[in-house]
Amino acid sequence: MKVYDPAAKFELKVSEVEFRRAASGRILMARIYQPHGVGPFPTLLDLHGGAWNNKDRLANEPMDRAVAA
């Protein structure tokens, strides 16, 4: 079993996936930051709860990218 190294940094694959489609047709998207390499990797879930009145779901991208790498 590999030992988790919190100082390790990884190249990232960033992808967009649909996680919900409302009856009205509105699509909600999720952005996944996935390290390249052999896992397992820990998971962090960051939910934007700004009700779309305080920035948007990409506002935390710099932090999300840093945490994922």
N, C-alpha and C. Protein backbone atom coordinates (compact mmCIF):
# COMPACT_ATOMS: atom_id res chain seq x y z
N MET A 1 0.83 -1.17 0.00
CA MET A 1 0.00 0.00 0.00
C MET A 1 0.88 1.24 0.00
N LYS A 2 0.51 2.23 -0.83
CA LYS A 2 1.24 3.48 -0.86
C LYS A 2 0.92 4.31 0.38
N VAL A 3 1.90 5.06 0.81
CA VAL A 3 1.72 5.96 1.94
C VAL A 3 1.38 7.34 1.39
N TYR A 4 0.39 7.98 1.96
CA TYR A 4 -0.01 9.32 1.54
C TYR A 4 1.08 10.33 1.86
N ASP A 5 1.45 11.13 0.86
CA ASP A 5 2.46 12.16 1.03
C ASP A 5 1.80 13.51 0.77
N PRO A 6 1.46 14.27 1.80
CA PRO A 6 0.77 15.54 1.60
C PRO A 6 1.59 16.58 0.85
N ALA A 7 2.91 16.40 0.75
CA ALA A 7 3.76 17.34 0.03
C ALA A 7 3.84 17.03 -1.47
N ALA A 8 3.34 15.87 -1.89
CA ALA A 8 3.41 15.49 -3.30
C ALA A 8 2.52 16.40 -4.14
N LYS A 9 2.99 16.73 -5.35
CA LYS A 9 2.22 17.56 -6.29
C LYS A 9 2.00 16.75 -7.56
N PHE A 10 0.84 16.93 -8.18
CA PHE A 10 0.47 16.15 -9.36
C PHE A 10 -0.03 17.07 -10.47
N GLU A 11 0.21 16.64 -11.71
CA GLU A 11 -0.43 17.29 -12.85
C GLU A 11 -1.91 16.95 -12.76
N LEU A 12 -2.77 17.85 -13.26
CA LEU A 12 -4.20 17.66 -13.11
C LEU A 12 -4.91 17.52 -14.44
N LYS A 13 -5.95 16.71 -14.45
CA LYS A 13 -6.91 16.66 -15.55
C LYS A 13 -8.16 17.34 -15.02
N VAL A 14 -8.66 18.34 -15.75
CA VAL A 14 -9.86 19.06 -15.34
C VAL A 14 -10.98 18.72 -16.32
N SER A 15 -12.11 18.27 -15.81
CA SER A 15 -13.23 17.93 -16.69
C SER A 15 -14.53 18.48 -16.13
N GLU A 16 -15.47 18.73 -17.03
CA GLU A 16 -16.79 19.22 -16.68
C GLU A 16 -17.79 18.09 -16.89
N VAL A 17 -18.65 17.84 -15.92
CA VAL A 17 -19.66 16.80 -16.06
C VAL A 17 -21.03 17.35 -15.62
N GLU A 18 -22.05 16.91 -16.30
CA GLU A 18 -23.41 17.26 -15.92
C GLU A 18 -23.80 16.41 -14.72
N PHE A 19 -24.28 17.06 -13.65
CA PHE A 19 -24.72 16.26 -12.52
C PHE A 19 -26.21 16.39 -12.25
N ARG A 20 -26.86 17.34 -12.91
CA ARG A 20 -28.30 17.44 -12.75
C ARG A 20 -28.90 18.22 -13.91
N ARG A 21 -30.05 17.76 -14.37
CA ARG A 21 -30.80 18.46 -15.40
C ARG A 21 -32.22 18.66 -14.85
N ALA A 22 -32.62 19.93 -14.72
CA ALA A 22 -33.94 20.24 -14.18
C ALA A 22 -35.02 19.98 -15.23
N ALA A 23 -36.25 19.86 -14.79
CA ALA A 23 -37.37 19.65 -15.70
C ALA A 23 -37.46 20.79 -16.72
N SER A 24 -37.00 21.97 -16.33
CA SER A 24 -37.02 23.13 -17.23
C SER A 24 -35.94 23.05 -18.30
N GLY A 25 -35.03 22.08 -18.15
CA GLY A 25 -33.93 21.93 -19.10
C GLY A 25 -32.62 22.54 -18.61
N ARG A 26 -32.66 23.27 -17.50
CA ARG A 26 -31.44 23.87 -16.97
C ARG A 26 -30.48 22.77 -16.52
N ILE A 27 -29.23 22.91 -16.91
CA ILE A 27 -28.21 21.91 -16.60
C ILE A 27 -27.28 22.47 -15.53
N LEU A 28 -27.02 21.68 -14.51
CA LEU A 28 -26.04 22.04 -13.49
C LEU A 28 -24.78 21.21 -13.73
N MET A 29 -23.65 21.89 -13.74
CA MET A 29 -22.38 21.24 -14.06
C MET A 29 -21.49 21.14 -12.83
N ALA A 30 -20.64 20.14 -12.84
CA ALA A 30 -19.61 19.96 -11.81
C ALA A 30 -18.25 19.96 -12.49
N ARG A 31 -17.28 20.51 -11.84
CA ARG A 31 -15.91 20.50 -12.35
C ARG A 31 -15.12 19.52 -11.50
N ILE A 32 -14.42 18.59 -12.15
CA ILE A 32 -13.63 17.57 -11.46
C ILE A 32 -12.15 17.84 -11.72
N TYR A 33 -11.38 17.94 -10.65
CA TYR A 33 -9.93 18.08 -10.72
C TYR A 33 -9.36 16.72 -10.33
N GLN A 34 -8.75 16.05 -11.28
CA GLN A 34 -8.27 14.69 -11.04
C GLN A 34 -6.77 14.62 -11.28
N PRO A 35 -5.99 14.26 -10.26
CA PRO A 35 -4.55 14.13 -10.44
C PRO A 35 -4.20 13.00 -11.41
N HIS A 36 -3.18 13.24 -12.25
CA HIS A 36 -2.65 12.17 -13.09
C HIS A 36 -1.81 11.27 -12.21
N GLY A 37 -1.71 10.02 -12.56
CA GLY A 37 -0.86 9.10 -11.82
C GLY A 37 -1.67 8.00 -11.18
N VAL A 38 -0.93 7.13 -10.54
CA VAL A 38 -1.54 5.99 -9.89
C VAL A 38 -2.07 6.42 -8.52
N GLY A 39 -3.33 6.18 -8.27
CA GLY A 39 -3.96 6.52 -6.99
C GLY A 39 -3.69 5.43 -5.98
N PRO A 40 -4.42 5.34 -4.96
CA PRO A 40 -5.62 6.13 -4.71
C PRO A 40 -5.28 7.54 -4.23
N PHE A 41 -6.18 8.46 -4.52
CA PHE A 41 -6.03 9.84 -4.09
C PHE A 41 -7.18 10.18 -3.15
N PRO A 42 -6.95 11.07 -2.19
CA PRO A 42 -8.06 11.52 -1.35
C PRO A 42 -9.04 12.35 -2.17
N THR A 43 -10.24 12.51 -1.66
CA THR A 43 -11.28 13.27 -2.36
C THR A 43 -11.66 14.48 -1.52
N LEU A 44 -11.87 15.60 -2.20
CA LEU A 44 -12.38 16.81 -1.57
C LEU A 44 -13.58 17.27 -2.38
N LEU A 45 -14.67 17.55 -1.73
CA LEU A 45 -15.87 18.05 -2.40
C LEU A 45 -16.07 19.49 -1.98
N ASP A 46 -16.05 20.41 -2.94
CA ASP A 46 -16.23 21.84 -2.69
C ASP A 46 -17.52 22.26 -3.39
N LEU A 47 -18.54 22.60 -2.62
CA LEU A 47 -19.82 23.00 -3.18
C LEU A 47 -19.97 24.50 -3.10
N HIS A 48 -20.32 25.12 -4.23
CA HIS A 48 -20.58 26.55 -4.25
C HIS A 48 -22.01 26.76 -3.78
N GLY A 49 -22.17 27.49 -2.70
CA GLY A 49 -23.51 27.71 -2.16
C GLY A 49 -23.91 29.17 -2.20
N GLY A 50 -23.44 29.91 -3.18
CA GLY A 50 -23.68 31.34 -3.24
C GLY A 50 -25.02 31.74 -3.82
N ALA A 51 -25.87 30.76 -4.11
CA ALA A 51 -27.20 31.04 -4.69
C ALA A 51 -27.08 31.93 -5.92
N TRP A 52 -25.95 31.83 -6.58
CA TRP A 52 -25.63 32.56 -7.82
C TRP A 52 -25.69 34.08 -7.62
N ASN A 53 -25.61 34.54 -6.39
CA ASN A 53 -25.57 35.99 -6.18
C ASN A 53 -24.22 36.43 -5.62
N ASN A 54 -23.33 35.50 -5.38
CA ASN A 54 -21.99 35.82 -4.88
C ASN A 54 -20.98 35.04 -5.72
N LYS A 55 -20.62 35.63 -6.85
CA LYS A 55 -19.71 35.01 -7.82
C LYS A 55 -20.38 33.80 -8.44
N ASP A 56 -19.60 32.79 -8.84
CA ASP A 56 -20.17 31.61 -9.47
C ASP A 56 -19.37 30.38 -9.08
N ARG A 57 -19.68 29.24 -9.68
CA ARG A 57 -19.06 27.98 -9.27
C ARG A 57 -17.57 27.91 -9.60
N LEU A 58 -17.07 28.82 -10.42
CA LEU A 58 -15.65 28.81 -10.77
C LEU A 58 -14.82 29.76 -9.90
N ALA A 59 -15.46 30.47 -8.98
CA ALA A 59 -14.77 31.45 -8.15
C ALA A 59 -13.66 30.84 -7.31
N ASN A 60 -13.82 29.59 -6.90
CA ASN A 60 -12.82 28.94 -6.05
C ASN A 60 -11.81 28.13 -6.85
N GLU A 61 -11.76 28.31 -8.17
CA GLU A 61 -10.86 27.50 -8.99
C GLU A 61 -9.41 27.53 -8.53
N PRO A 62 -8.82 28.68 -8.22
CA PRO A 62 -7.41 28.66 -7.77
C PRO A 62 -7.20 27.79 -6.53
N MET A 63 -8.11 27.89 -5.56
CA MET A 63 -7.98 27.07 -4.36
C MET A 63 -8.22 25.59 -4.68
N ASP A 64 -9.25 25.30 -5.48
CA ASP A 64 -9.54 23.91 -5.83
C ASP A 64 -8.37 23.27 -6.56
N ARG A 65 -7.77 24.02 -7.48
CA ARG A 65 -6.63 23.51 -8.25
C ARG A 65 -5.44 23.24 -7.32
N ALA A 66 -5.19 24.14 -6.39
CA ALA A 66 -4.07 23.97 -5.46
C ALA A 66 -4.28 22.77 -4.54
N VAL A 67 -5.50 22.61 -4.05
CA VAL A 67 -5.79 21.48 -3.16
C VAL A 67 -5.68 20.16 -3.91
N ALA A 68 -6.16 20.12 -5.16
CA ALA A 68 -6.13 18.88 -5.94
C ALA A 68 -4.71 18.49 -6.33
N ALA A 69 -3.84 19.48 -6.54
CA ALA A 69 -2.47 19.17 -6.97
C ALA A 69 -1.63 18.74 -5.79
